[in-house]
Amino acid sequence: MATTPGTPRLLRAMNDRAALDLLLSQGPLSRTTLGNLTGLSKPTASQLLARLEAAGLVRASGTSAGRPGPNAQLYEINGGIAYVAGLDVTPTRIRSAVADLTGKVVGSYELPTPGRSAKGTVERVLKAIDGAAGEAGLTRERMHRVAIGTPGGFDPTTGRLRYATHLPGWHAPHLLDELAAAITAPLEVENDVNLAAVAEQQIGHARDTDNFVLLWGEEGIGAAVVINGRLHRGATGGAGEVAFLPLPGTPLVRNVGRNNAGGFQELAGGEQVLELARSHGLKARTPEAAIAAALESEGAGDAVLAEFAHRLAVGLAAIVAVVDPELIVLAGGVITAGGERLRGLVQDELADLAVPRPRLLLTAIHIDPVLSGALQSALSTTRDEVFDTAGPPIPQEPG
């Protein structure tokens, strides 16, 4: 039987990608170890490493001195072959970071934006990227891809931001085109809570979970929904905007888009958490501090935690009834301030309110989850592009 043209090339590319993923996940490896993990013979593993080293994808990184067995040359991913930038945008600041291809953060920057006007959004984004790149000794032109996280979501049918009236400067009709033209590198803009879920999926609790929900609680309430391993964004980018979810225990809010408010937000948003704490005699300046104070106070604190857990569980019960996830991840500063104690209370309440019994875990990403997700999202696409050693298809001769 004739060999299908291109098969050896594609097999080599598949072996290359398997080896690159192992080097990425397990760190420096020797030729022998890489061969054992991939099932390749020593000569084939040697050829593979030589090919990847010539392409600049891997580099020698010392020897296995100090490890059991004879010394052997170790190889690692060449992180400097590509860089990505991630941004986390809020109404008061833009936080940015640059990572190399291995995911190592090599530069970061924070641009305060209090009281900013609706003008100058593109310039502020460029300044944030340049700040992080400059700390890494790089320029914006070295970025292979840029990912930006914002509240709300960009409607794919119009290209305009929805569900985030509190973010001035991001609602211009041609903003995405202007950003893409100014940045020049491929650009992706995603909902901030969705990016927190991407981080959880890539490096957190959901790495082996295809169906999960991430509930985010800070000043605002939000959620991200992952179905069959993919983010579910909805027809207008509004999937997961659960702050608008009508729930028992709150007045029915009409014209929610204009008011930027709704049932779940009115039940468990940051302002409501502060009001709840103060109604029980606990004084705090922020919602996170209120929950932290509740943990330290018997009696009143117990009541605050129990009521907050109930409110969260009411919202989650509505989500679970529709999505039926295998895992719920609790994230955001207000919720995570309650720690395992609050998580346990929410799980107990949810068990009484919903038939499905998903696992309930606190997020594994405690530092800059949105920014981490932006970097992970940009890295995922960049690695697919950079690690593709198959090249373009070989034209076939006619006949």
Protein backbone atom coordinates (compact mmCIF):
# COMPACT_ATOMS: atom_id res chain seq x y z
CA MET A 1 0.00 0.00 0.00
CA ALA A 2 1.36 3.41 -0.95
CA THR A 3 2.43 5.71 1.87
CA THR A 4 0.22 8.75 2.32
CA PRO A 5 2.26 11.83 1.34
CA GLY A 6 3.22 13.90 4.33
CA THR A 7 2.66 11.18 6.93
CA PRO A 8 6.30 11.02 8.14
CA ARG A 9 6.36 14.82 8.43
CA LEU A 10 3.14 14.84 10.43
CA LEU A 11 4.35 12.04 12.68
CA ARG A 12 7.54 13.97 13.37
CA ALA A 13 5.45 17.05 14.20
CA MET A 14 3.29 14.99 16.58
CA ASN A 15 6.40 13.60 18.30
CA ASP A 16 7.86 17.11 18.47
CA ARG A 17 4.74 18.46 20.13
CA ALA A 18 4.59 15.60 22.63
CA ALA A 19 8.22 16.23 23.57
CA LEU A 20 7.71 20.00 23.85
CA ASP A 21 4.68 19.52 26.10
CA LEU A 22 6.68 17.19 28.35
CA LEU A 23 9.55 19.67 28.57
CA LEU A 24 7.04 22.39 29.35
CA SER A 25 5.27 20.47 32.12
CA GLN A 26 8.17 18.54 33.67
CA GLY A 27 11.11 20.88 33.28
CA PRO A 28 14.58 20.03 31.97
CA LEU A 29 14.82 16.42 30.76
CA SER A 30 17.61 14.26 29.39
CA ARG A 31 17.45 12.53 26.02
CA THR A 32 16.98 9.17 27.74
CA THR A 33 14.17 10.38 30.00
CA LEU A 34 12.44 12.09 27.11
CA GLY A 35 12.72 8.93 25.04
CA ASN A 36 11.25 6.84 27.85
CA LEU A 37 8.35 9.24 28.36
CA THR A 38 7.50 9.47 24.66
CA GLY A 39 8.26 5.84 23.77
CA LEU A 40 10.83 6.91 21.20
CA SER A 41 14.10 5.07 20.62
CA LYS A 42 17.35 6.74 21.63
CA PRO A 43 18.34 7.56 18.03
CA THR A 44 14.90 9.00 17.30
CA ALA A 45 14.91 11.03 20.52
CA SER A 46 18.37 12.35 19.64
CA GLN A 47 17.20 13.38 16.17
CA LEU A 48 14.13 15.03 17.65
CA LEU A 49 16.14 17.07 20.14
CA ALA A 50 18.65 18.09 17.47
CA ARG A 51 15.79 19.21 15.24
CA LEU A 52 14.11 21.22 18.02
CA GLU A 53 17.40 22.75 19.10
CA ALA A 54 18.17 23.82 15.54
CA ALA A 55 14.73 25.42 15.33
CA GLY A 56 15.45 27.38 18.53
CA LEU A 57 12.62 25.71 20.44
CA VAL A 58 14.80 23.94 23.01
CA ARG A 59 18.23 24.56 24.44
CA ALA A 60 20.77 22.71 26.54
CA SER A 61 20.47 23.53 30.24
CA GLY A 62 23.34 21.88 32.03
CA THR A 63 23.67 18.27 33.12
CA SER A 64 22.00 15.91 35.54
CA ALA A 65 24.90 16.16 38.01
CA GLY A 66 23.68 15.45 41.53
CA ARG A 67 20.89 13.18 40.32
CA PRO A 68 20.97 9.39 40.45
CA GLY A 69 22.77 7.73 37.53
CA PRO A 70 25.46 8.99 35.15
CA ASN A 71 25.60 12.62 34.16
CA ALA A 72 23.48 13.44 31.12
CA GLN A 73 22.81 16.58 29.09
CA LEU A 74 19.49 18.18 30.00
CA TYR A 75 17.23 20.11 27.64
CA GLU A 76 14.57 22.74 28.31
CA ILE A 77 12.14 24.95 26.41
CA ASN A 78 13.72 28.12 25.08
CA GLY A 79 11.31 30.56 26.71
CA GLY A 80 12.79 33.56 24.93
CA ILE A 81 11.60 32.45 21.50
CA ALA A 82 8.23 34.15 22.10
CA TYR A 83 6.62 36.50 24.61
CA VAL A 84 3.01 37.37 25.40
CA ALA A 85 1.36 40.19 27.32
CA GLY A 86 -1.70 40.06 29.54
CA LEU A 87 -3.77 42.94 30.95
CA ASP A 88 -6.39 43.10 33.71
CA VAL A 89 -8.54 46.21 33.32
CA THR A 90 -10.73 47.68 36.07
CA PRO A 91 -12.29 51.15 36.45
CA THR A 92 -9.40 52.29 38.67
CA ARG A 93 -6.29 50.64 37.22
CA ILE A 94 -4.74 48.52 34.47
CA ARG A 95 -2.42 45.75 35.63
CA SER A 96 -0.16 44.19 32.99
CA ALA A 97 2.44 41.44 32.75
CA VAL A 98 4.69 39.84 30.16
CA ALA A 99 5.57 36.14 30.16
CA ASP A 100 7.94 34.07 28.07
CA LEU A 101 6.88 30.91 26.28
CA THR A 102 7.35 28.79 29.42
CA GLY A 103 4.88 30.97 31.31
CA LYS A 104 7.54 32.66 33.43
CA VAL A 105 6.53 36.26 34.19
CA VAL A 106 9.44 38.48 33.20
CA GLY A 107 7.90 41.92 33.61
CA SER A 108 4.90 43.58 35.27
CA TYR A 109 3.41 47.04 35.57
CA GLU A 110 0.41 48.78 37.12
CA LEU A 111 -1.14 51.92 35.72
CA PRO A 112 -3.54 53.74 38.09
CA THR A 113 -6.57 55.16 36.26
CA PRO A 114 -8.78 56.80 38.93
CA GLY A 115 -11.37 59.20 37.60
CA ARG A 116 -10.25 58.70 34.03
CA SER A 117 -12.22 60.15 31.15
CA ALA A 118 -13.67 58.18 28.27
CA LYS A 119 -10.80 59.36 26.06
CA GLY A 120 -7.29 57.96 25.84
CA THR A 121 -8.17 54.28 26.30
CA VAL A 122 -5.84 53.08 23.54
CA GLU A 123 -2.96 55.17 24.87
CA ARG A 124 -3.45 53.80 28.39
CA VAL A 125 -3.43 50.22 27.11
CA LEU A 126 -0.22 50.85 25.18
CA LYS A 127 1.39 52.45 28.22
CA ALA A 128 0.51 49.41 30.33
CA ILE A 129 1.97 47.01 27.77
CA ASP A 130 5.10 49.12 27.34
CA GLY A 131 5.57 49.31 31.10
CA ALA A 132 5.56 45.53 31.56
CA ALA A 133 7.64 44.94 28.44
CA GLY A 134 10.14 47.58 29.49
CA GLU A 135 10.65 45.95 32.89
CA ALA A 136 11.52 42.75 31.02
CA GLY A 137 13.98 44.62 28.77
CA LEU A 138 11.69 44.14 25.78
CA THR A 139 9.63 46.29 23.45
CA ARG A 140 5.98 46.03 22.51
CA GLU A 141 7.01 44.73 19.10
CA ARG A 142 8.39 41.55 20.70
CA MET A 143 4.92 40.49 21.88
CA HIS A 144 3.60 37.47 19.98
CA ARG A 145 0.07 37.97 21.33
CA VAL A 146 -1.78 40.23 23.78
CA ALA A 147 -4.79 39.23 25.89
CA ILE A 148 -6.91 41.77 27.76
CA GLY A 149 -9.47 41.06 30.48
CA THR A 150 -12.28 43.54 31.18
CA PRO A 151 -15.56 43.52 33.07
CA GLY A 152 -18.56 42.74 30.90
CA GLY A 153 -18.15 41.19 27.47
CA PHE A 154 -17.66 42.30 23.89
CA ASP A 155 -20.67 41.39 21.78
CA PRO A 156 -19.34 39.44 18.78
CA THR A 157 -22.19 40.76 16.61
CA THR A 158 -21.33 44.42 17.22
CA GLY A 159 -17.80 44.47 18.65
CA ARG A 160 -19.00 46.70 21.50
CA LEU A 161 -18.67 46.19 25.24
CA ARG A 162 -21.85 45.21 27.07
CA TYR A 163 -22.75 44.56 30.71
CA ALA A 164 -20.14 47.02 32.08
CA THR A 165 -21.43 50.58 32.09
CA HIS A 166 -19.00 51.38 34.92
CA LEU A 167 -15.96 51.08 32.63
CA PRO A 168 -15.56 54.45 30.88
CA GLY A 169 -13.71 54.60 27.60
CA TRP A 170 -14.37 51.00 26.58
CA HIS A 171 -17.70 51.43 24.78
CA ALA A 172 -16.55 53.16 21.59
CA PRO A 173 -17.90 51.38 18.51
CA HIS A 174 -14.49 50.81 16.87
CA LEU A 175 -12.35 50.36 19.99
CA LEU A 176 -11.29 46.79 19.24
CA ASP A 177 -10.13 47.77 15.75
CA GLU A 178 -8.23 50.73 17.16
CA LEU A 179 -6.55 48.58 19.80
CA ALA A 180 -5.60 45.90 17.27
CA ALA A 181 -4.11 48.49 14.91
CA ALA A 182 -2.10 50.16 17.68
CA ILE A 183 -0.82 46.97 19.31
CA THR A 184 -0.07 45.22 15.97
CA ALA A 185 0.32 41.82 17.65
CA PRO A 186 -2.70 39.48 17.55
CA LEU A 187 -5.18 40.68 20.17
CA GLU A 188 -7.84 38.91 22.21
CA VAL A 189 -10.23 40.69 24.61
CA GLU A 190 -12.14 38.55 27.10
CA ASN A 191 -14.41 38.91 30.10
CA ASP A 192 -12.35 39.11 33.29
CA VAL A 193 -14.18 36.30 35.11
CA ASN A 194 -13.85 34.08 32.05
CA LEU A 195 -10.09 34.60 32.23
CA ALA A 196 -10.07 33.65 35.91
CA ALA A 197 -11.72 30.40 34.78
CA VAL A 198 -9.06 29.95 32.09
CA ALA A 199 -6.39 30.19 34.78
CA GLU A 200 -8.26 27.63 36.87
CA GLN A 201 -8.55 25.35 33.85
CA GLN A 202 -4.89 25.62 32.87
CA ILE A 203 -3.07 25.67 36.22
CA GLY A 204 -5.73 25.28 38.93
CA HIS A 205 -8.35 22.86 40.21
CA ALA A 206 -10.14 22.40 36.88
CA ARG A 207 -7.26 20.93 34.86
CA ASP A 208 -9.03 17.58 34.57
CA THR A 209 -12.59 18.92 34.58
CA ASP A 210 -14.58 19.52 31.40
CA ASN A 211 -17.69 21.04 32.99
CA PHE A 212 -17.37 23.61 35.75
CA VAL A 213 -18.57 27.00 36.94
CA LEU A 214 -16.42 29.66 38.53
CA LEU A 215 -18.35 32.04 40.80
CA TRP A 216 -16.63 35.39 41.30
CA GLY A 217 -17.44 37.64 44.24
CA GLU A 218 -15.87 41.06 44.77
CA GLU A 219 -17.66 44.40 44.41
CA GLY A 220 -19.66 42.66 41.71
CA ILE A 221 -20.92 39.11 41.31
CA GLY A 222 -20.08 37.20 38.14
CA ALA A 223 -19.57 33.70 36.83
CA ALA A 224 -17.80 31.80 34.08
CA VAL A 225 -19.26 28.66 32.56
CA VAL A 226 -17.11 25.97 30.95
CA ILE A 227 -18.93 23.23 29.03
CA ASN A 228 -17.11 20.29 27.44
CA GLY A 229 -13.81 22.02 28.11
CA ARG A 230 -14.74 25.26 26.34
CA LEU A 231 -15.81 28.64 27.68
CA HIS A 232 -19.47 29.31 27.03
CA ARG A 233 -19.79 32.99 26.12
CA GLY A 234 -23.34 33.12 24.76
CA ALA A 235 -24.72 34.86 21.70
CA THR A 236 -23.81 38.38 22.89
CA GLY A 237 -20.92 37.64 25.26
CA GLY A 238 -23.26 37.74 28.24
CA ALA A 239 -23.09 34.16 29.50
CA GLY A 240 -22.10 34.26 33.16
CA GLU A 241 -23.40 37.78 33.83
CA VAL A 242 -25.25 36.35 36.81
CA ALA A 243 -25.32 39.68 38.66
CA PHE A 244 -28.53 40.29 36.68
CA LEU A 245 -30.05 36.94 37.73
CA PRO A 246 -33.48 37.50 39.40
CA LEU A 247 -33.53 35.70 42.74
CA PRO A 248 -35.91 35.34 45.68
CA GLY A 249 -35.12 37.70 48.51
CA THR A 250 -34.53 40.76 46.32
CA PRO A 251 -36.83 43.20 44.53
CA LEU A 252 -37.30 42.50 40.84
CA VAL A 253 -35.03 44.95 38.98
CA ARG A 254 -36.32 46.14 35.62
CA ASN A 255 -34.21 47.75 32.87
CA VAL A 256 -31.23 45.91 34.32
CA GLY A 257 -28.93 46.96 31.49
CA ARG A 258 -29.60 50.61 32.17
CA ASN A 259 -29.40 50.22 35.93
CA ASN A 260 -26.41 47.83 35.76
CA ALA A 261 -27.98 45.92 38.65
CA GLY A 262 -30.03 42.82 39.26
CA GLY A 263 -31.12 40.21 41.74
CA PHE A 264 -27.93 38.33 42.58
CA GLN A 265 -25.91 41.55 42.76
CA GLU A 266 -28.51 43.06 45.09
CA LEU A 267 -28.29 39.93 47.23
CA ALA A 268 -24.55 39.20 47.46
CA GLY A 269 -22.61 42.08 45.90
CA GLY A 270 -19.87 43.91 47.78
CA GLU A 271 -22.07 46.75 48.99
CA GLN A 272 -24.65 44.28 50.28
CA VAL A 273 -21.95 42.35 52.17
CA LEU A 274 -20.93 45.56 53.94
CA GLU A 275 -24.54 46.32 54.81
CA LEU A 276 -24.99 42.79 56.15
CA ALA A 277 -21.92 43.06 58.37
CA ARG A 278 -22.90 46.48 59.69
CA SER A 279 -26.41 45.27 60.46
CA HIS A 280 -24.81 42.79 62.86
CA GLY A 281 -22.54 45.39 64.46
CA LEU A 282 -19.36 44.56 62.54
CA LYS A 283 -17.44 47.57 61.26
CA ALA A 284 -15.30 47.34 58.14
CA ARG A 285 -14.30 49.60 55.27
CA THR A 286 -14.33 46.95 52.53
CA PRO A 287 -16.39 43.81 51.85
CA GLU A 288 -13.26 41.65 52.18
CA ALA A 289 -12.52 43.17 55.56
CA ALA A 290 -16.12 42.58 56.62
CA ILE A 291 -15.90 38.87 55.88
CA ALA A 292 -12.49 38.66 57.56
CA ALA A 293 -13.95 40.37 60.64
CA ALA A 294 -16.84 37.90 60.65
CA LEU A 295 -14.35 35.03 60.85
CA GLU A 296 -12.88 36.56 63.99
CA SER A 297 -16.17 37.33 65.74
CA GLU A 298 -18.36 34.76 67.43
CA GLY A 299 -22.09 35.28 67.45
CA ALA A 300 -22.47 38.23 65.09
CA GLY A 301 -19.74 36.90 62.81
CA ASP A 302 -21.36 33.49 62.67
CA ALA A 303 -24.63 35.10 61.63
CA VAL A 304 -22.95 37.14 58.89
CA LEU A 305 -21.18 34.10 57.43
CA ALA A 306 -24.29 31.96 57.58
CA GLU A 307 -26.40 34.59 55.82
CA PHE A 308 -23.75 35.31 53.17
CA ALA A 309 -23.37 31.57 52.51
CA HIS A 310 -27.14 31.28 52.13
CA ARG A 311 -27.24 34.14 49.63
CA LEU A 312 -24.42 32.66 47.57
CA ALA A 313 -26.08 29.25 47.61
CA VAL A 314 -29.40 30.71 46.41
CA GLY A 315 -27.66 32.08 43.31
CA LEU A 316 -25.65 28.92 42.79
CA ALA A 317 -28.78 26.77 43.02
CA ALA A 318 -30.23 28.60 40.02
CA ILE A 319 -27.00 28.16 38.07
CA VAL A 320 -26.65 24.49 38.99
CA ALA A 321 -30.22 23.76 37.93
CA VAL A 322 -29.37 24.90 34.39
CA VAL A 323 -25.74 23.90 33.94
CA ASP A 324 -25.30 20.87 36.28
CA PRO A 325 -21.51 21.26 36.57
CA GLU A 326 -19.23 18.69 38.15
CA LEU A 327 -17.24 21.41 39.90
CA ILE A 328 -17.90 24.89 41.27
CA VAL A 329 -14.87 27.09 41.97
CA LEU A 330 -15.35 29.97 44.41
CA ALA A 331 -13.15 32.96 43.56
CA GLY A 332 -12.84 36.70 44.06
CA GLY A 333 -11.58 38.56 47.10
CA VAL A 334 -14.84 38.78 49.06
CA ILE A 335 -15.68 35.09 48.79
CA THR A 336 -12.16 33.80 49.33
CA ALA A 337 -11.83 36.02 52.42
CA GLY A 338 -14.22 33.56 54.08
CA GLY A 339 -11.84 30.66 53.46
CA GLU A 340 -12.76 27.04 54.04
CA ARG A 341 -15.31 27.95 56.68
CA LEU A 342 -17.44 29.92 54.24
CA ARG A 343 -16.92 27.31 51.52
CA GLY A 344 -18.26 24.61 53.82
CA LEU A 345 -21.31 26.70 54.72
CA VAL A 346 -22.06 27.35 51.05
CA GLN A 347 -21.73 23.66 50.22
CA ASP A 348 -24.13 22.68 53.02
CA GLU A 349 -26.67 25.29 51.93
CA LEU A 350 -26.40 24.30 48.28
CA ALA A 351 -27.01 20.66 49.17
CA ASP A 352 -30.40 21.72 50.57
CA LEU A 353 -31.31 23.90 47.59
CA ALA A 354 -30.22 21.87 44.55
CA VAL A 355 -30.51 18.27 43.41
CA PRO A 356 -27.04 18.02 41.77
CA ARG A 357 -24.11 17.82 44.20
CA PRO A 358 -21.09 19.33 42.44
CA ARG A 359 -17.74 19.55 44.16
CA LEU A 360 -17.18 22.99 45.66
CA LEU A 361 -13.62 24.30 45.98
CA LEU A 362 -11.90 27.59 46.72
CA THR A 363 -9.83 28.85 43.81
CA ALA A 364 -6.25 27.63 43.47
CA ILE A 365 -5.22 30.96 41.88
CA HIS A 366 -4.83 33.41 44.75
CA ILE A 367 -2.68 36.09 43.11
CA ASP A 368 -3.93 38.09 40.10
CA PRO A 369 -6.28 35.40 38.73
CA VAL A 370 -7.56 37.56 35.86
CA LEU A 371 -4.06 38.57 34.81
CA SER A 372 -2.92 34.97 35.15
CA GLY A 373 -5.79 33.87 32.93
CA ALA A 374 -4.96 36.49 30.32
CA LEU A 375 -1.37 35.21 30.14
CA GLN A 376 -2.52 31.58 30.02
CA SER A 377 -4.98 32.34 27.23
CA ALA A 378 -2.33 34.13 25.16
CA LEU A 379 0.21 31.39 25.86
CA SER A 380 -2.13 28.59 24.80
CA THR A 381 -2.58 30.01 21.30
CA THR A 382 1.03 31.10 21.02
CA ARG A 383 2.34 27.65 21.92
CA ASP A 384 0.09 26.05 19.32
CA GLU A 385 1.58 28.37 16.72
CA VAL A 386 5.22 28.25 17.81
CA PHE A 387 5.27 24.51 18.56
CA ASP A 388 3.79 23.59 15.17
CA THR A 389 6.80 22.10 13.39
CA ALA A 390 4.79 20.49 10.58
CA GLY A 391 4.80 23.65 8.52
CA PRO A 392 2.39 24.35 5.67
CA PRO A 393 1.05 21.36 3.69
CA ILE A 394 3.26 20.15 0.89
CA PRO A 395 1.60 20.82 -2.50
CA GLN A 396 0.70 17.58 -4.28
CA GLU A 397 1.60 16.92 -7.90
CA PRO A 398 -1.47 16.65 -10.14
CA GLY A 399 -2.43 13.26 -11.54
